[in-house]
C-alpha atoms as a PDB file:
ATOM      1  CA  LYS A   1      -0.027  -0.054   0.024  1.00  0.00           C
ATOM      2  CA  MET A   2       1.188   3.527  -0.709  1.00  0.00           C
ATOM      3  CA  MET A   3       1.388   5.958   2.049  1.00  0.00           C
ATOM      4  CA  SER A   4      -0.948   8.415   0.155  1.00  0.00           C
ATOM      5  CA  LYS A   5      -3.744   5.857   0.909  1.00  0.00           C
ATOM      6  CA  GLN A   6      -3.036   5.900   4.708  1.00  0.00           C
ATOM      7  CA  PRO A   7      -3.937   8.769   6.980  1.00  0.00           C
ATOM      8  CA  PRO A   8      -1.018  10.128   8.923  1.00  0.00           C
ATOM      9  CA  ASP A   9      -2.534   8.945  12.189  1.00  0.00           C
ATOM     10  CA  LYS A  10      -2.134   5.324  11.147  1.00  0.00           C
ATOM     11  CA  MET A  11       1.574   5.762  11.059  1.00  0.00           C
ATOM     12  CA  ASN A  12       2.288   5.385  14.756  1.00  0.00           C
ATOM     13  CA  ASN A  13       3.424   1.781  14.893  1.00  0.00           C
ATOM     14  CA  ALA A  14       5.494  -0.755  12.972  1.00  0.00           C
ATOM     15  CA  ASN A  15       2.325  -2.609  11.835  1.00  0.00           C
ATOM     16  CA  SER A  16       1.136   0.481   9.883  1.00  0.00           C
ATOM     17  CA  ILE A  17       4.304   0.874   7.880  1.00  0.00           C
ATOM     18  CA  PRO A  18       3.630   0.567   4.118  1.00  0.00           C
ATOM     19  CA  SER A  19       6.047  -1.422   1.922  1.00  0.00           C
ATOM     20  CA  THR A  20       6.351   1.485  -0.651  1.00  0.00           C
ATOM     21  CA  ILE A  21       5.931   5.162  -0.683  1.00  0.00           C
ATOM     22  CA  GLU A  22       5.113   6.836  -4.025  1.00  0.00           C
ATOM     23  CA  GLY A  23       6.437   3.760  -5.792  1.00  0.00           C
ATOM     24  CA  TRP A  24       9.750   3.612  -3.839  1.00  0.00           C
ATOM     25  CA  THR A  25      10.325   0.495  -1.674  1.00  0.00           C
ATOM     26  CA  LEU A  26      11.025   1.329   1.912  1.00  0.00           C
ATOM     27  CA  PRO A  27      14.202  -0.213   3.441  1.00  0.00           C
ATOM     28  CA  ALA A  28      13.480  -3.047   5.812  1.00  0.00           C
ATOM     29  CA  TRP A  29      15.125  -1.176   8.654  1.00  0.00           C
ATOM     30  CA  VAL A  30      12.434   1.464   8.847  1.00  0.00           C
ATOM     31  CA  GLY A  31      10.256   1.282  11.858  1.00  0.00           C
ATOM     32  CA  CYS A  32      10.019   1.138  15.634  1.00  0.00           C
ATOM     33  CA  THR A  33      12.452  -0.542  17.893  1.00  0.00           C
ATOM     34  CA  GLY A  34      11.776  -4.086  19.225  1.00  0.00           C
ATOM     35  CA  SER A  35       9.954  -2.465  22.149  1.00  0.00           C
ATOM     36  CA  GLY A  36       7.717  -0.531  19.795  1.00  0.00           C
ATOM     37  CA  ALA A  37       9.415   2.812  20.410  1.00  0.00           C
ATOM     38  CA  VAL A  38      10.579   5.520  18.054  1.00  0.00           C
ATOM     39  CA  LYS A  39      13.336   7.913  19.202  1.00  0.00           C
ATOM     40  CA  GLU A  40      11.601  11.143  20.000  1.00  0.00           C
ATOM     41  CA  ALA A  41      12.325  14.023  17.630  1.00  0.00           C
ATOM     42  CA  HIS A  42      10.875  17.215  16.274  1.00  0.00           C
ATOM     43  CA  LEU A  43      11.718  19.614  13.460  1.00  0.00           C
ATOM     44  CA  GLU A  44      12.609  23.276  13.990  1.00  0.00           C
ATOM     45  CA  ILE A  45      11.847  25.446  10.978  1.00  0.00           C
ATOM     46  CA  HIS A  46      13.884  28.655  10.767  1.00  0.00           C
ATOM     47  CA  LYS A  47      13.027  31.566   8.543  1.00  0.00           C
ATOM     48  CA  ASP A  48      15.332  34.614   8.219  1.00  0.00           C
ATOM     49  CA  GLY A  49      17.509  33.233  11.113  1.00  0.00           C
ATOM     50  CA  SER A  50      14.618  33.043  13.629  1.00  0.00           C
ATOM     51  CA  LEU A  51      12.574  30.099  14.725  1.00  0.00           C
ATOM     52  CA  PHE A  52       9.340  30.078  12.599  1.00  0.00           C
ATOM     53  CA  ASP A  53       7.658  26.860  13.537  1.00  0.00           C
ATOM     54  CA  THR A  54       8.147  23.385  15.009  1.00  0.00           C
ATOM     55  CA  TYR A  55       6.711  19.916  14.159  1.00  0.00           C
ATOM     56  CA  ASP A  56       6.826  16.951  16.407  1.00  0.00           C
ATOM     57  CA  PHE A  57       7.319  13.530  14.804  1.00  0.00           C
ATOM     58  CA  LYS A  58       4.780  12.197  17.407  1.00  0.00           C
ATOM     59  CA  GLY A  59       6.317   8.790  17.581  1.00  0.00           C
ATOM     60  CA  ARG A  60       5.914   8.142  13.852  1.00  0.00           C
ATOM     61  CA  PRO A  61       8.714   6.104  12.157  1.00  0.00           C
ATOM     62  CA  ILE A  62       7.956   7.978   8.855  1.00  0.00           C
ATOM     63  CA  LEU A  63       7.407  11.755   8.280  1.00  0.00           C
ATOM     64  CA  SER A  64       6.730  12.897   4.760  1.00  0.00           C
ATOM     65  CA  VAL A  65       7.137  16.472   3.548  1.00  0.00           C
ATOM     66  CA  GLY A  66       6.146  18.297   0.407  1.00  0.00           C
ATOM     67  CA  ARG A  67       3.873  20.792  -1.183  1.00  0.00           C
ATOM     68  CA  ALA A  68       0.894  18.488  -1.661  1.00  0.00           C
ATOM     69  CA  THR A  69      -2.284  19.516   0.246  1.00  0.00           C
ATOM     70  CA  ASP A  70      -4.276  16.375  -0.613  1.00  0.00           C
ATOM     71  CA  GLY A  71      -3.127  14.424   2.468  1.00  0.00           C
ATOM     72  CA  ARG A  72      -0.259  12.621   0.822  1.00  0.00           C
ATOM     73  CA  VAL A  73       2.321  14.355   3.076  1.00  0.00           C
ATOM     74  CA  MET A  74       2.297  14.851   6.775  1.00  0.00           C
ATOM     75  CA  TYR A  75       3.885  18.251   6.923  1.00  0.00           C
ATOM     76  CA  VAL A  76       3.089  20.743   4.025  1.00  0.00           C
ATOM     77  CA  LEU A  77       5.880  22.961   2.844  1.00  0.00           C
ATOM     78  CA  ASP A  78       4.791  26.195   1.213  1.00  0.00           C
ATOM     79  CA  HIS A  79       7.273  27.163  -1.558  1.00  0.00           C
ATOM     80  CA  PRO A  80       6.883  26.853  -5.327  1.00  0.00           C
ATOM     81  CA  SER A  81      10.238  25.100  -5.731  1.00  0.00           C
ATOM     82  CA  ILE A  82       9.237  22.305  -3.400  1.00  0.00           C
ATOM     83  CA  SER A  83       7.800  19.139  -5.006  1.00  0.00           C
ATOM     84  CA  ARG A  84       4.341  17.798  -4.091  1.00  0.00           C
ATOM     85  CA  PHE A  85       5.967  14.778  -2.374  1.00  0.00           C
ATOM     86  CA  HIS A  86       9.450  16.074  -1.799  1.00  0.00           C
ATOM     87  CA  ALA A  87      11.104  13.963   0.878  1.00  0.00           C
ATOM     88  CA  VAL A  88      10.657  11.594   3.869  1.00  0.00           C
ATOM     89  CA  PHE A  89      12.320  11.311   7.176  1.00  0.00           C
ATOM     90  CA  LEU A  90      12.717   7.602   8.270  1.00  0.00           C
ATOM     91  CA  HIS A  91      13.485   6.132  11.691  1.00  0.00           C
ATOM     92  CA  HIS A  92      15.995   3.339  11.744  1.00  0.00           C
ATOM     93  CA  ARG A  93      14.655   0.624  14.073  1.00  0.00           C
ATOM     94  CA  HIS A  94      18.079  -0.804  14.907  1.00  0.00           C
ATOM     95  CA  LEU A  95      20.398   2.288  15.025  1.00  0.00           C
ATOM     96  CA  GLU A  96      17.593   4.452  16.633  1.00  0.00           C
ATOM     97  CA  ASP A  97      18.368   7.426  14.505  1.00  0.00           C
ATOM     98  CA  TYR A  98      16.806   9.301  11.592  1.00  0.00           C
ATOM     99  CA  TRP A  99      17.539   9.282   7.875  1.00  0.00           C
ATOM    100  CA  ILE A 100      16.238  11.396   5.075  1.00  0.00           C
ATOM    101  CA  VAL A 101      15.295  10.487   1.466  1.00  0.00           C
ATOM    102  CA  ASP A 102      14.744  12.861  -1.392  1.00  0.00           C
ATOM    103  CA  MET A 103      11.911  11.422  -3.354  1.00  0.00           C
ATOM    104  CA  GLY A 104      13.089  12.554  -6.751  1.00  0.00           C
ATOM    105  CA  SER A 105      12.212  16.202  -6.223  1.00  0.00           C
ATOM    106  CA  ALA A 106      12.697  18.671  -9.085  1.00  0.00           C
ATOM    107  CA  HIS A 107      14.883  21.046  -7.137  1.00  0.00           C
ATOM    108  CA  GLY A 108      16.548  18.894  -4.585  1.00  0.00           C
ATOM    109  CA  THR A 109      17.086  18.341  -0.919  1.00  0.00           C
ATOM    110  CA  PHE A 110      20.268  19.749   0.715  1.00  0.00           C
ATOM    111  CA  ILE A 111      21.864  18.899   4.058  1.00  0.00           C
ATOM    112  CA  GLY A 112      24.758  20.699   5.778  1.00  0.00           C
ATOM    113  CA  HIS A 113      25.885  24.152   6.527  1.00  0.00           C
ATOM    114  CA  PRO A 114      26.027  26.991   3.941  1.00  0.00           C
ATOM    115  CA  PRO A 115      27.741  27.839   1.747  1.00  0.00           C
ATOM    116  CA  ASN A 116      28.339  24.250   0.527  1.00  0.00           C
ATOM    117  CA  PRO A 117      25.472  21.991   1.578  1.00  0.00           C
ATOM    118  CA  ALA A 118      25.389  18.501  -0.059  1.00  0.00           C
ATOM    119  CA  LYS A 119      22.642  17.792  -2.507  1.00  0.00           C
ATOM    120  CA  LEU A 120      21.023  14.421  -1.775  1.00  0.00           C
ATOM    121  CA  GLU A 121      20.966  11.668  -4.341  1.00  0.00           C
ATOM    122  CA  PRO A 122      17.302  10.916  -5.162  1.00  0.00           C
ATOM    123  CA  ARG A 123      15.808   7.897  -3.367  1.00  0.00           C
ATOM    124  CA  LEU A 124      19.119   7.186  -1.498  1.00  0.00           C
ATOM    125  CA  PRO A 125      18.605   7.194   2.300  1.00  0.00           C
ATOM    126  CA  THR A 126      21.071   9.484   4.042  1.00  0.00           C
ATOM    127  CA  ARG A 127      21.751   9.358   7.757  1.00  0.00           C
ATOM    128  CA  LEU A 128      20.984  12.550   9.623  1.00  0.00           C
ATOM    129  CA  ALA A 129      22.755  13.810  12.709  1.00  0.00           C
ATOM    130  CA  PHE A 130      20.747  15.976  15.118  1.00  0.00           C
ATOM    131  CA  ASP A 131      21.198  19.727  14.366  1.00  0.00           C
ATOM    132  CA  THR A 132      22.177  19.240  10.775  1.00  0.00           C
ATOM    133  CA  PRO A 133      20.549  22.021   8.619  1.00  0.00           C
ATOM    134  CA  ILE A 134      18.205  20.738   5.814  1.00  0.00           C
ATOM    135  CA  ARG A 135      16.860  22.794   2.882  1.00  0.00           C
ATOM    136  CA  PHE A 136      14.178  21.786   0.475  1.00  0.00           C
ATOM    137  CA  GLY A 137      14.287  23.188  -3.165  1.00  0.00           C
ATOM    138  CA  ALA A 138      15.108  26.940  -3.362  1.00  0.00           C
ATOM    139  CA  SER A 139      13.221  27.731  -0.140  1.00  0.00           C
ATOM    140  CA  SER A 140      15.229  29.972   2.272  1.00  0.00           C
ATOM    141  CA  ARG A 141      13.748  28.130   5.251  1.00  0.00           C
ATOM    142  CA  THR A 142      16.032  25.744   7.174  1.00  0.00           C
ATOM    143  CA  TYR A 143      14.819  22.656   8.880  1.00  0.00           C
ATOM    144  CA  VAL A 144      16.702  21.121  11.694  1.00  0.00           C
ATOM    145  CA  ILE A 145      15.815  17.784  13.290  1.00  0.00           C
ATOM    146  CA  LYS A 146      16.223  17.992  17.102  1.00  0.00           C
ATOM    147  CA  PRO A 147      16.034  15.302  19.833  1.00  0.00           C
ATOM    148  CA  GLY A 148      13.101  14.940  22.063  1.00  0.00           C
ATOM    149  CA  PRO A 149       9.476  15.998  21.784  1.00  0.00           C
ATOM    150  CA  GLU A 150       8.308  19.406  20.509  1.00  0.00           C
ATOM    151  CA  PRO A 151       8.960  22.023  23.252  1.00  0.00           C
ATOM    152  CA  PRO A 152       5.754  23.262  24.828  1.00  0.00           C
ATOM    153  CA  ARG A 153       6.805  26.882  24.502  1.00  0.00           C
ATOM    154  CA  GLY A 154       4.396  27.733  21.706  1.00  0.00           C
ATOM    155  CA  GLY A 155       5.320  25.401  18.837  1.00  0.00           C
ATOM    156  CA  HIS A 156       2.453  25.347  16.388  1.00  0.00           C
ATOM    157  CA  GLY A 157       3.220  22.542  13.948  1.00  0.00           C
ATOM    158  CA  LYS A 158       0.898  22.250  11.085  1.00  0.00           C
ATOM    159  CA  GLN A 159      -0.630  19.067   9.621  1.00  0.00           C
END
């Protein structure tokens, strides 16, 4: 089953993980740990050097991002250079860390610090360290994966 057919709320445990997303076969290591846990994490979204938004992974082993507003992605990114189904964050059940996959976007996904961030190869999982800057397409917003749940200090993640 493709993720576009499953509501995001159904992505909370290993039994709900689809075998493919948008025609791409998920690696076997995606999912929860043996105890059913996912390392807690959230995204910080920075705009013009300031914190703009946050989004909690909410225990999901998969978090999809893109411009689509039809329910295919869990976090909608608002920029014309971002593809409808741009990228996915994946939780590694054995290493208990996060990876990112560019889903063949038109304008790319970039990780690392300016001025020379690395452009990801399409559909190739890339391991993410916490606090590594991520950019999607030509958007000036920077996304940073942080450990732990979304802070209660007024984060207003969108769905």
